[in-house]
Amino acid sequence: MSKDWSLLSEGAQLALSRAALAQAADTIAGQAETLAEEMEMGALDDHGGPDALRLLAAVLRSLNPMAQPAAGMA
């Protein structure tokens, strides 16, 4: 794999890296929102977590303006 990676131009490597980081941030943000909902429904103990998790999701998405909340989230 690293051999294939090195064949890509620097611009292509940068674009792929940015896309991967954006996808990772969106995935983490979505998981934070899911955990917040689970806490609100009583499935997990709530120690102030839902608000903190939603803040984390908002921060991650603000760093990546292309990230959009999944349907039903926000």
N, C-alpha and C. Protein backbone atom coordinates (compact mmCIF):
# COMPACT_ATOMS: atom_id res chain seq x y z
N MET A 1 0.82 -1.19 0.00
CA MET A 1 0.00 0.00 0.00
C MET A 1 0.86 1.25 0.00
N SER A 2 1.90 1.32 0.82
CA SER A 2 2.72 2.52 0.86
C SER A 2 3.38 2.76 -0.49
N LYS A 3 3.66 1.69 -1.22
CA LYS A 3 4.23 1.84 -2.56
C LYS A 3 3.22 2.54 -3.48
N ASP A 4 1.96 2.14 -3.41
CA ASP A 4 0.92 2.78 -4.21
C ASP A 4 0.74 4.23 -3.80
N TRP A 5 0.79 4.49 -2.51
CA TRP A 5 0.62 5.85 -2.00
C TRP A 5 1.70 6.77 -2.56
N SER A 6 2.92 6.28 -2.59
CA SER A 6 4.03 7.11 -3.05
C SER A 6 3.94 7.41 -4.55
N LEU A 7 3.15 6.65 -5.28
CA LEU A 7 2.98 6.92 -6.70
C LEU A 7 2.02 8.08 -6.95
N LEU A 8 1.23 8.43 -5.95
CA LEU A 8 0.30 9.55 -6.09
C LEU A 8 1.04 10.88 -6.00
N SER A 9 0.50 11.87 -6.68
CA SER A 9 1.09 13.20 -6.58
C SER A 9 0.87 13.74 -5.17
N GLU A 10 1.65 14.73 -4.81
CA GLU A 10 1.51 15.34 -3.49
C GLU A 10 0.10 15.91 -3.32
N GLY A 11 -0.43 16.51 -4.37
CA GLY A 11 -1.79 17.07 -4.31
C GLY A 11 -2.83 16.00 -4.08
N ALA A 12 -2.68 14.86 -4.76
CA ALA A 12 -3.62 13.75 -4.58
C ALA A 12 -3.52 13.18 -3.18
N GLN A 13 -2.30 13.06 -2.66
CA GLN A 13 -2.12 12.57 -1.29
C GLN A 13 -2.79 13.52 -0.30
N LEU A 14 -2.61 14.81 -0.51
CA LEU A 14 -3.21 15.80 0.38
C LEU A 14 -4.73 15.75 0.32
N ALA A 15 -5.28 15.64 -0.88
CA ALA A 15 -6.73 15.57 -1.04
C ALA A 15 -7.30 14.33 -0.38
N LEU A 16 -6.65 13.19 -0.57
CA LEU A 16 -7.13 11.95 0.06
C LEU A 16 -7.02 12.01 1.58
N SER A 17 -5.94 12.60 2.07
CA SER A 17 -5.77 12.73 3.52
C SER A 17 -6.85 13.63 4.11
N ARG A 18 -7.12 14.74 3.45
CA ARG A 18 -8.17 15.64 3.94
C ARG A 18 -9.53 14.96 3.93
N ALA A 19 -9.82 14.22 2.87
CA ALA A 19 -11.10 13.52 2.79
C ALA A 19 -11.22 12.48 3.90
N ALA A 20 -10.14 11.76 4.16
CA ALA A 20 -10.16 10.75 5.23
C ALA A 20 -10.35 11.40 6.60
N LEU A 21 -9.69 12.51 6.84
CA LEU A 21 -9.84 13.20 8.12
C LEU A 21 -11.25 13.77 8.27
N ALA A 22 -11.81 14.28 7.18
CA ALA A 22 -13.17 14.81 7.24
C ALA A 22 -14.16 13.69 7.56
N GLN A 23 -13.98 12.53 6.93
CA GLN A 23 -14.86 11.40 7.19
C GLN A 23 -14.71 10.91 8.62
N ALA A 24 -13.49 10.88 9.13
CA ALA A 24 -13.26 10.45 10.51
C ALA A 24 -13.93 11.42 11.49
N ALA A 25 -13.79 12.71 11.25
CA ALA A 25 -14.42 13.70 12.13
C ALA A 25 -15.93 13.56 12.12
N ASP A 26 -16.51 13.34 10.94
CA ASP A 26 -17.95 13.19 10.84
C ASP A 26 -18.42 11.91 11.55
N THR A 27 -17.65 10.85 11.43
CA THR A 27 -17.98 9.59 12.11
C THR A 27 -17.95 9.77 13.62
N ILE A 28 -16.91 10.42 14.13
CA ILE A 28 -16.80 10.66 15.58
C ILE A 28 -17.94 11.55 16.05
N ALA A 29 -18.26 12.59 15.28
CA ALA A 29 -19.36 13.49 15.65
C ALA A 29 -20.68 12.73 15.70
N GLY A 30 -20.91 11.88 14.72
CA GLY A 30 -22.15 11.08 14.71
C GLY A 30 -22.23 10.14 15.91
N GLN A 31 -21.12 9.52 16.27
CA GLN A 31 -21.10 8.63 17.42
C GLN A 31 -21.34 9.41 18.71
N ALA A 32 -20.80 10.63 18.81
CA ALA A 32 -21.03 11.46 19.99
C ALA A 32 -22.52 11.77 20.12
N GLU A 33 -23.16 12.10 19.01
CA GLU A 33 -24.60 12.39 19.05
C GLU A 33 -25.41 11.15 19.42
N THR A 34 -25.01 10.00 18.91
CA THR A 34 -25.70 8.75 19.25
C THR A 34 -25.57 8.46 20.75
N LEU A 35 -24.38 8.64 21.30
CA LEU A 35 -24.19 8.43 22.74
C LEU A 35 -25.03 9.40 23.55
N ALA A 36 -25.11 10.64 23.10
CA ALA A 36 -25.93 11.64 23.80
C ALA A 36 -27.39 11.19 23.83
N GLU A 37 -27.89 10.69 22.72
CA GLU A 37 -29.27 10.22 22.66
C GLU A 37 -29.49 9.02 23.57
N GLU A 38 -28.52 8.10 23.61
CA GLU A 38 -28.62 6.93 24.48
C GLU A 38 -28.69 7.35 25.94
N MET A 39 -27.90 8.36 26.30
CA MET A 39 -27.93 8.86 27.67
C MET A 39 -29.29 9.49 27.99
N GLU A 40 -29.80 10.26 27.05
CA GLU A 40 -31.09 10.91 27.28
C GLU A 40 -32.23 9.90 27.40
N MET A 41 -32.12 8.77 26.72
CA MET A 41 -33.15 7.73 26.78
C MET A 41 -32.98 6.83 28.00
N GLY A 42 -31.87 7.03 28.75
CA GLY A 42 -31.65 6.24 29.95
C GLY A 42 -30.89 4.95 29.74
N ALA A 43 -30.42 4.71 28.52
CA ALA A 43 -29.68 3.49 28.25
C ALA A 43 -28.27 3.54 28.85
N LEU A 44 -27.74 4.73 29.05
CA LEU A 44 -26.42 4.92 29.66
C LEU A 44 -26.56 5.94 30.78
N ASP A 45 -25.72 5.81 31.80
CA ASP A 45 -25.73 6.79 32.89
C ASP A 45 -25.37 8.17 32.35
N ASP A 46 -26.07 9.17 32.81
CA ASP A 46 -25.86 10.56 32.38
C ASP A 46 -25.17 11.33 33.49
N HIS A 47 -23.97 11.78 33.23
CA HIS A 47 -23.24 12.62 34.17
C HIS A 47 -22.91 13.94 33.48
N GLY A 48 -23.89 14.49 32.77
CA GLY A 48 -23.67 15.72 32.01
C GLY A 48 -23.13 15.44 30.62
N GLY A 49 -23.15 14.19 30.23
CA GLY A 49 -22.56 13.77 28.97
C GLY A 49 -23.22 14.25 27.70
N PRO A 50 -24.56 14.23 27.60
CA PRO A 50 -25.17 14.60 26.32
C PRO A 50 -24.76 15.99 25.83
N ASP A 51 -24.75 16.97 26.71
CA ASP A 51 -24.36 18.32 26.28
C ASP A 51 -22.90 18.35 25.85
N ALA A 52 -22.05 17.67 26.59
CA ALA A 52 -20.62 17.63 26.24
C ALA A 52 -20.41 16.92 24.91
N LEU A 53 -21.14 15.82 24.69
CA LEU A 53 -21.00 15.09 23.44
C LEU A 53 -21.50 15.91 22.26
N ARG A 54 -22.59 16.63 22.45
CA ARG A 54 -23.09 17.49 21.36
C ARG A 54 -22.13 18.63 21.08
N LEU A 55 -21.48 19.15 22.12
CA LEU A 55 -20.47 20.18 21.93
C LEU A 55 -19.30 19.62 21.12
N LEU A 56 -18.85 18.43 21.47
CA LEU A 56 -17.79 17.78 20.71
C LEU A 56 -18.19 17.62 19.25
N ALA A 57 -19.40 17.15 19.00
CA ALA A 57 -19.88 16.98 17.63
C ALA A 57 -19.88 18.32 16.89
N ALA A 58 -20.35 19.37 17.54
CA ALA A 58 -20.40 20.69 16.90
C ALA A 58 -19.00 21.21 16.59
N VAL A 59 -18.07 21.01 17.52
CA VAL A 59 -16.69 21.46 17.30
C VAL A 59 -16.08 20.71 16.12
N LEU A 60 -16.25 19.40 16.09
CA LEU A 60 -15.70 18.62 14.98
C LEU A 60 -16.28 19.07 13.65
N ARG A 61 -17.56 19.30 13.63
CA ARG A 61 -18.19 19.73 12.37
C ARG A 61 -17.82 21.16 12.01
N SER A 62 -17.58 22.01 12.99
CA SER A 62 -17.19 23.39 12.67
C SER A 62 -15.79 23.43 12.06
N LEU A 63 -14.97 22.46 12.40
CA LEU A 63 -13.63 22.38 11.83
C LEU A 63 -13.66 21.84 10.42
N ASN A 64 -14.78 21.22 10.04
CA ASN A 64 -14.94 20.65 8.71
C ASN A 64 -16.27 21.11 8.16
N PRO A 65 -16.31 22.27 7.50
CA PRO A 65 -17.59 22.82 7.04
C PRO A 65 -18.32 21.91 6.06
N MET A 66 -17.62 20.95 5.43
CA MET A 66 -18.30 20.06 4.48
C MET A 66 -19.06 18.96 5.20
N ALA A 67 -18.78 18.73 6.48
CA ALA A 67 -19.47 17.69 7.24
C ALA A 67 -20.91 18.13 7.52
N GLN A 68 -21.81 17.23 7.34
CA GLN A 68 -23.22 17.50 7.57
C GLN A 68 -23.73 16.49 8.59
N PRO A 69 -24.59 16.92 9.52
CA PRO A 69 -25.18 15.95 10.44
C PRO A 69 -25.97 14.90 9.67
N ALA A 70 -25.93 13.68 10.15
CA ALA A 70 -26.70 12.60 9.54
C ALA A 70 -28.18 12.89 9.70
N ALA A 71 -29.00 12.30 8.88
CA ALA A 71 -30.44 12.50 8.96
C ALA A 71 -30.92 12.20 10.37
N GLY A 72 -31.72 13.08 10.93
CA GLY A 72 -32.25 12.89 12.27
C GLY A 72 -31.34 13.38 13.37
N MET A 73 -30.15 13.83 13.02
CA MET A 73 -29.19 14.33 14.01
C MET A 73 -29.10 15.84 13.88
N ALA A 74 -28.69 16.49 14.92
CA ALA A 74 -28.35 17.92 14.91
C ALA A 74 -28.68 18.56 16.21
